Every structure is written in structure tokens, then in C-alpha cells.
Amino acid sequence: MPWLMRESEVLATVEVAERSRERIRGLLGRETIEGGIMLRPCRQVHTLGMHFAIDVAFCDRDGVVLRVATVPPWRLTRPVWRSGFVVEAAAGAFERWGLHPGDQVEVKG
């Protein structure tokens, strides 16, 4: 499974959803997630039908984190127009990882 990296630091394992069907499904139907999921391309997310809150990092095409948010179930975020992809994880993960706006992330492996 691929890794979500910040510089040379491994933050977590990450699933990559690039196909339309994978992006639409995202985390729906899951009770939790270990690691994270990257949705590419993506500018807006929702948690309609989800069972848990998620952390969302909106990143530009170069992987620079533009905005982070914790989104409770049954919500819709505002679009982040410069976003090339998002990283989603269970709420609290970004605090543990120390992920903040301005960080640069990439997927390896």
C-alpha cells in the first residue's frame, strides 16, 4: 500500500482513489479508516451518510496543503478551487501527524 509522505517522514498508509467510482464512494459505508485516502482530482467533499467525522486536507497539484478541516457527519465543505486533490483521514489524525497548511505531501510506493 502507498505511503503519505511529508518530506522524508511517513505520515500514514494511504489509499489512492483516482477513478470516478472510487472517488464517489470514498469513505462511505466504513466505520473508520486506518491511515487515509487520497481523492484525485477533488475540490469539495461531503460526509453525507458517513458514520464518523473526518479530517480533510485540501492540497494543490504540487501537494502543498492549502486548507485543513474537521468535518462532522452529514456536512458538505465549501469548494477549494485551487485544490488538485484531498487527503481524508479519521478525525484527529492530522493532529497526531502534525499536518498543517503549508506542509507539502506526496504519495510514494
N, C-alpha and C. Protein backbone atom coordinates (compact mmCIF):
# COMPACT_ATOMS: atom_id res chain seq x y z
N MET A 1 0.86 -1.19 0.00
CA MET A 1 0.00 0.00 0.00
C MET A 1 0.90 1.24 0.00
N PRO A 2 0.51 2.27 -0.72
CA PRO A 2 1.31 3.51 -0.78
C PRO A 2 1.37 4.23 0.57
N TRP A 3 2.34 5.11 0.66
CA TRP A 3 2.56 5.90 1.87
C TRP A 3 2.30 7.37 1.60
N LEU A 4 1.71 8.06 2.57
CA LEU A 4 1.59 9.51 2.53
C LEU A 4 2.82 10.07 3.21
N MET A 5 3.58 10.87 2.48
CA MET A 5 4.87 11.38 2.97
C MET A 5 4.85 12.91 3.07
N ARG A 6 5.57 13.43 4.06
CA ARG A 6 5.89 14.85 4.17
C ARG A 6 7.40 14.91 4.28
N GLU A 7 8.03 15.44 3.23
CA GLU A 7 9.49 15.38 3.09
C GLU A 7 9.91 13.92 3.18
N SER A 8 10.74 13.54 4.13
CA SER A 8 11.15 12.14 4.24
C SER A 8 10.41 11.41 5.36
N GLU A 9 9.38 12.04 5.92
CA GLU A 9 8.62 11.47 7.04
C GLU A 9 7.37 10.76 6.53
N VAL A 10 7.19 9.51 6.95
CA VAL A 10 5.98 8.76 6.62
C VAL A 10 4.89 9.17 7.61
N LEU A 11 3.76 9.66 7.07
CA LEU A 11 2.64 10.05 7.92
C LEU A 11 1.69 8.88 8.15
N ALA A 12 1.38 8.15 7.06
CA ALA A 12 0.42 7.04 7.18
C ALA A 12 0.36 6.27 5.86
N THR A 13 -0.28 5.11 5.91
CA THR A 13 -0.61 4.42 4.67
C THR A 13 -1.78 5.18 4.05
N VAL A 14 -1.88 5.12 2.73
CA VAL A 14 -2.94 5.86 2.06
C VAL A 14 -3.46 5.08 0.87
N GLU A 15 -4.78 5.05 0.73
CA GLU A 15 -5.42 4.52 -0.46
C GLU A 15 -5.50 5.66 -1.46
N VAL A 16 -5.37 5.37 -2.73
CA VAL A 16 -5.48 6.39 -3.76
C VAL A 16 -6.71 6.10 -4.60
N ALA A 17 -7.64 7.07 -4.64
CA ALA A 17 -8.87 6.94 -5.42
C ALA A 17 -8.83 7.95 -6.56
N GLU A 18 -8.56 7.46 -7.77
CA GLU A 18 -8.46 8.34 -8.93
C GLU A 18 -9.61 8.12 -9.91
N ARG A 19 -10.22 6.97 -9.88
CA ARG A 19 -11.36 6.72 -10.77
C ARG A 19 -12.62 7.33 -10.17
N SER A 20 -13.51 7.75 -11.03
CA SER A 20 -14.73 8.41 -10.60
C SER A 20 -15.50 7.60 -9.55
N ARG A 21 -15.67 6.33 -9.81
CA ARG A 21 -16.42 5.47 -8.88
C ARG A 21 -15.73 5.40 -7.51
N GLU A 22 -14.40 5.30 -7.49
CA GLU A 22 -13.65 5.24 -6.24
C GLU A 22 -13.79 6.55 -5.46
N ARG A 23 -13.71 7.68 -6.18
CA ARG A 23 -13.83 8.98 -5.53
C ARG A 23 -15.22 9.20 -4.97
N ILE A 24 -16.24 8.79 -5.71
CA ILE A 24 -17.62 8.97 -5.23
C ILE A 24 -17.85 8.14 -3.97
N ARG A 25 -17.35 6.93 -3.96
CA ARG A 25 -17.53 6.06 -2.78
C ARG A 25 -16.71 6.56 -1.60
N GLY A 26 -15.47 6.91 -1.83
CA GLY A 26 -14.62 7.44 -0.76
C GLY A 26 -14.68 6.60 0.49
N LEU A 27 -15.10 7.20 1.59
CA LEU A 27 -15.17 6.51 2.88
C LEU A 27 -16.59 6.07 3.23
N LEU A 28 -17.53 6.23 2.31
CA LEU A 28 -18.92 5.85 2.59
C LEU A 28 -19.02 4.36 2.91
N GLY A 29 -19.82 4.05 3.91
CA GLY A 29 -20.05 2.67 4.30
C GLY A 29 -19.02 2.11 5.26
N ARG A 30 -18.02 2.88 5.58
CA ARG A 30 -16.99 2.40 6.52
C ARG A 30 -17.29 2.92 7.93
N GLU A 31 -16.83 2.17 8.89
CA GLU A 31 -16.98 2.59 10.29
C GLU A 31 -15.79 3.43 10.74
N THR A 32 -14.64 3.25 10.11
CA THR A 32 -13.43 4.01 10.41
C THR A 32 -12.44 3.76 9.28
N ILE A 33 -11.28 4.37 9.38
CA ILE A 33 -10.21 4.12 8.41
C ILE A 33 -8.87 4.17 9.15
N GLU A 34 -8.02 3.24 8.79
CA GLU A 34 -6.64 3.27 9.26
C GLU A 34 -5.85 3.99 8.19
N GLY A 35 -5.07 4.97 8.55
CA GLY A 35 -4.34 5.74 7.56
C GLY A 35 -5.25 6.75 6.91
N GLY A 36 -5.18 6.86 5.60
CA GLY A 36 -6.00 7.86 4.92
C GLY A 36 -6.36 7.43 3.51
N ILE A 37 -7.09 8.31 2.84
CA ILE A 37 -7.46 8.09 1.44
C ILE A 37 -7.24 9.40 0.70
N MET A 38 -6.64 9.30 -0.49
CA MET A 38 -6.43 10.47 -1.34
C MET A 38 -7.44 10.40 -2.48
N LEU A 39 -8.17 11.50 -2.67
CA LEU A 39 -9.12 11.61 -3.77
C LEU A 39 -8.56 12.60 -4.76
N ARG A 40 -8.30 12.12 -5.99
CA ARG A 40 -7.69 12.99 -7.00
C ARG A 40 -8.38 12.79 -8.33
N PRO A 41 -8.90 13.84 -8.96
CA PRO A 41 -8.95 15.23 -8.51
C PRO A 41 -10.12 15.43 -7.55
N CYS A 42 -10.07 16.49 -6.77
CA CYS A 42 -11.13 16.77 -5.80
C CYS A 42 -11.00 18.20 -5.29
N ARG A 43 -12.12 18.90 -5.23
CA ARG A 43 -12.15 20.28 -4.73
C ARG A 43 -13.14 20.47 -3.59
N GLN A 44 -14.00 19.48 -3.36
CA GLN A 44 -15.04 19.59 -2.34
C GLN A 44 -15.38 18.19 -1.86
N VAL A 45 -15.69 18.05 -0.58
CA VAL A 45 -16.08 16.74 -0.05
C VAL A 45 -17.37 16.87 0.76
N HIS A 46 -18.00 15.72 0.96
CA HIS A 46 -19.18 15.67 1.82
C HIS A 46 -19.05 14.47 2.74
N THR A 47 -19.80 14.52 3.82
CA THR A 47 -19.84 13.39 4.74
C THR A 47 -21.28 12.88 4.88
N LEU A 48 -22.08 13.08 3.85
CA LEU A 48 -23.46 12.61 3.85
C LEU A 48 -23.47 11.09 3.90
N GLY A 49 -24.15 10.53 4.88
CA GLY A 49 -24.22 9.08 5.04
C GLY A 49 -23.05 8.48 5.78
N MET A 50 -22.13 9.30 6.26
CA MET A 50 -20.95 8.76 6.96
C MET A 50 -21.25 8.58 8.44
N HIS A 51 -20.48 7.68 9.07
CA HIS A 51 -20.70 7.33 10.47
C HIS A 51 -19.70 7.99 11.42
N PHE A 52 -18.74 8.71 10.87
CA PHE A 52 -17.72 9.31 11.73
C PHE A 52 -17.20 10.61 11.11
N ALA A 53 -16.65 11.47 11.95
CA ALA A 53 -16.07 12.72 11.48
C ALA A 53 -14.72 12.44 10.82
N ILE A 54 -14.36 13.31 9.86
CA ILE A 54 -13.09 13.13 9.17
C ILE A 54 -12.28 14.42 9.15
N ASP A 55 -10.97 14.26 9.08
CA ASP A 55 -10.07 15.37 8.79
C ASP A 55 -9.89 15.40 7.28
N VAL A 56 -9.89 16.61 6.71
CA VAL A 56 -9.72 16.77 5.27
C VAL A 56 -8.63 17.79 5.02
N ALA A 57 -7.66 17.44 4.17
CA ALA A 57 -6.62 18.38 3.75
C ALA A 57 -6.80 18.62 2.26
N PHE A 58 -7.06 19.86 1.89
CA PHE A 58 -7.15 20.26 0.50
C PHE A 58 -5.76 20.67 0.05
N CYS A 59 -5.26 20.02 -1.00
CA CYS A 59 -3.89 20.24 -1.46
C CYS A 59 -3.89 20.70 -2.92
N ASP A 60 -2.93 21.56 -3.26
CA ASP A 60 -2.80 21.97 -4.66
C ASP A 60 -2.14 20.85 -5.45
N ARG A 61 -1.96 21.04 -6.73
CA ARG A 61 -1.40 19.98 -7.59
C ARG A 61 0.01 19.58 -7.21
N ASP A 62 0.74 20.48 -6.53
CA ASP A 62 2.11 20.18 -6.09
C ASP A 62 2.14 19.51 -4.72
N GLY A 63 0.97 19.32 -4.10
CA GLY A 63 0.91 18.67 -2.80
C GLY A 63 1.00 19.61 -1.62
N VAL A 64 0.97 20.92 -1.86
CA VAL A 64 1.01 21.88 -0.75
C VAL A 64 -0.38 21.94 -0.12
N VAL A 65 -0.44 21.75 1.19
CA VAL A 65 -1.72 21.77 1.90
C VAL A 65 -2.23 23.21 1.94
N LEU A 66 -3.39 23.43 1.34
CA LEU A 66 -3.99 24.76 1.29
C LEU A 66 -4.88 25.03 2.49
N ARG A 67 -5.62 24.01 2.91
CA ARG A 67 -6.60 24.17 3.98
C ARG A 67 -6.84 22.82 4.62
N VAL A 68 -7.03 22.81 5.93
CA VAL A 68 -7.43 21.59 6.64
C VAL A 68 -8.73 21.88 7.40
N ALA A 69 -9.53 20.85 7.55
CA ALA A 69 -10.80 20.99 8.26
C ALA A 69 -11.17 19.65 8.86
N THR A 70 -11.90 19.70 9.97
CA THR A 70 -12.52 18.52 10.53
C THR A 70 -14.00 18.64 10.19
N VAL A 71 -14.52 17.61 9.53
CA VAL A 71 -15.89 17.66 9.02
C VAL A 71 -16.73 16.58 9.71
N PRO A 72 -17.76 17.00 10.46
CA PRO A 72 -18.63 16.00 11.10
C PRO A 72 -19.52 15.31 10.08
N PRO A 73 -20.16 14.21 10.47
CA PRO A 73 -21.08 13.53 9.55
C PRO A 73 -22.21 14.46 9.08
N TRP A 74 -22.68 14.19 7.86
CA TRP A 74 -23.81 14.89 7.26
C TRP A 74 -23.52 16.36 6.98
N ARG A 75 -22.30 16.65 6.52
CA ARG A 75 -21.92 18.02 6.17
C ARG A 75 -21.34 18.05 4.76
N LEU A 76 -21.25 19.25 4.21
CA LEU A 76 -20.67 19.50 2.89
C LEU A 76 -19.69 20.65 3.04
N THR A 77 -18.47 20.48 2.52
CA THR A 77 -17.49 21.56 2.61
C THR A 77 -17.71 22.55 1.47
N ARG A 78 -17.16 23.73 1.64
CA ARG A 78 -17.12 24.68 0.54
C ARG A 78 -16.04 24.22 -0.43
N PRO A 79 -16.21 24.53 -1.70
CA PRO A 79 -15.16 24.16 -2.65
C PRO A 79 -13.87 24.95 -2.40
N VAL A 80 -12.76 24.30 -2.63
CA VAL A 80 -11.45 24.95 -2.59
C VAL A 80 -10.95 24.88 -4.04
N TRP A 81 -11.12 25.97 -4.76
CA TRP A 81 -10.93 25.97 -6.21
C TRP A 81 -9.51 25.64 -6.65
N ARG A 82 -8.50 25.96 -5.85
CA ARG A 82 -7.12 25.66 -6.24
C ARG A 82 -6.71 24.23 -5.88
N SER A 83 -7.61 23.49 -5.24
CA SER A 83 -7.30 22.13 -4.81
C SER A 83 -7.17 21.19 -6.00
N GLY A 84 -6.10 20.39 -6.00
CA GLY A 84 -5.91 19.36 -7.01
C GLY A 84 -6.32 18.00 -6.48
N PHE A 85 -6.19 17.82 -5.16
CA PHE A 85 -6.60 16.58 -4.51
C PHE A 85 -6.84 16.83 -3.03
N VAL A 86 -7.50 15.87 -2.40
CA VAL A 86 -7.69 15.95 -0.95
C VAL A 86 -7.19 14.67 -0.32
N VAL A 87 -6.83 14.79 0.95
CA VAL A 87 -6.49 13.64 1.78
C VAL A 87 -7.51 13.62 2.90
N GLU A 88 -8.16 12.47 3.09
CA GLU A 88 -9.12 12.30 4.17
C GLU A 88 -8.59 11.26 5.14
N ALA A 89 -8.87 11.48 6.42
CA ALA A 89 -8.49 10.54 7.47
C ALA A 89 -9.50 10.68 8.60
N ALA A 90 -9.50 9.75 9.54
CA ALA A 90 -10.38 9.85 10.70
C ALA A 90 -10.05 11.12 11.48
N ALA A 91 -11.07 11.75 12.04
CA ALA A 91 -10.87 12.98 12.81
C ALA A 91 -9.82 12.76 13.89
N GLY A 92 -8.91 13.72 14.02
CA GLY A 92 -7.83 13.64 15.00
C GLY A 92 -6.52 13.16 14.40
N ALA A 93 -6.56 12.57 13.21
CA ALA A 93 -5.34 12.05 12.59
C ALA A 93 -4.36 13.16 12.26
N PHE A 94 -4.84 14.27 11.72
CA PHE A 94 -3.93 15.34 11.31
C PHE A 94 -3.22 15.93 12.52
N GLU A 95 -3.90 16.00 13.65
CA GLU A 95 -3.25 16.49 14.86
C GLU A 95 -2.11 15.55 15.26
N ARG A 96 -2.36 14.24 15.20
CA ARG A 96 -1.32 13.26 15.52
C ARG A 96 -0.17 13.33 14.53
N TRP A 97 -0.48 13.56 13.25
CA TRP A 97 0.55 13.63 12.21
C TRP A 97 1.25 14.97 12.18
N GLY A 98 0.66 15.99 12.81
CA GLY A 98 1.22 17.34 12.75
C GLY A 98 1.06 17.97 11.38
N LEU A 99 -0.03 17.64 10.68
CA LEU A 99 -0.26 18.14 9.32
C LEU A 99 -0.97 19.50 9.38
N HIS A 100 -0.38 20.49 8.72
CA HIS A 100 -0.89 21.86 8.76
C HIS A 100 -0.84 22.49 7.37
N PRO A 101 -1.62 23.57 7.15
CA PRO A 101 -1.50 24.31 5.90
C PRO A 101 -0.05 24.76 5.68
N GLY A 102 0.40 24.65 4.43
CA GLY A 102 1.78 25.00 4.09
C GLY A 102 2.68 23.79 3.98
N ASP A 103 2.32 22.68 4.64
CA ASP A 103 3.09 21.44 4.50
C ASP A 103 2.96 20.94 3.07
N GLN A 104 3.96 20.20 2.61
CA GLN A 104 3.88 19.58 1.29
C GLN A 104 3.88 18.07 1.46
N VAL A 105 2.90 17.42 0.85
CA VAL A 105 2.76 15.97 0.96
C VAL A 105 2.84 15.33 -0.42
N GLU A 106 3.18 14.05 -0.44
CA GLU A 106 3.19 13.27 -1.67
C GLU A 106 2.93 11.81 -1.33
N VAL A 107 2.54 11.06 -2.32
CA VAL A 107 2.31 9.63 -2.16
C VAL A 107 3.46 8.89 -2.83
N LYS A 108 4.02 7.95 -2.09
CA LYS A 108 5.11 7.10 -2.63
C LYS A 108 4.77 5.65 -2.40
N GLY A 109 5.24 4.83 -3.34
CA GLY A 109 5.08 3.40 -3.18
C GLY A 109 3.96 2.81 -3.96
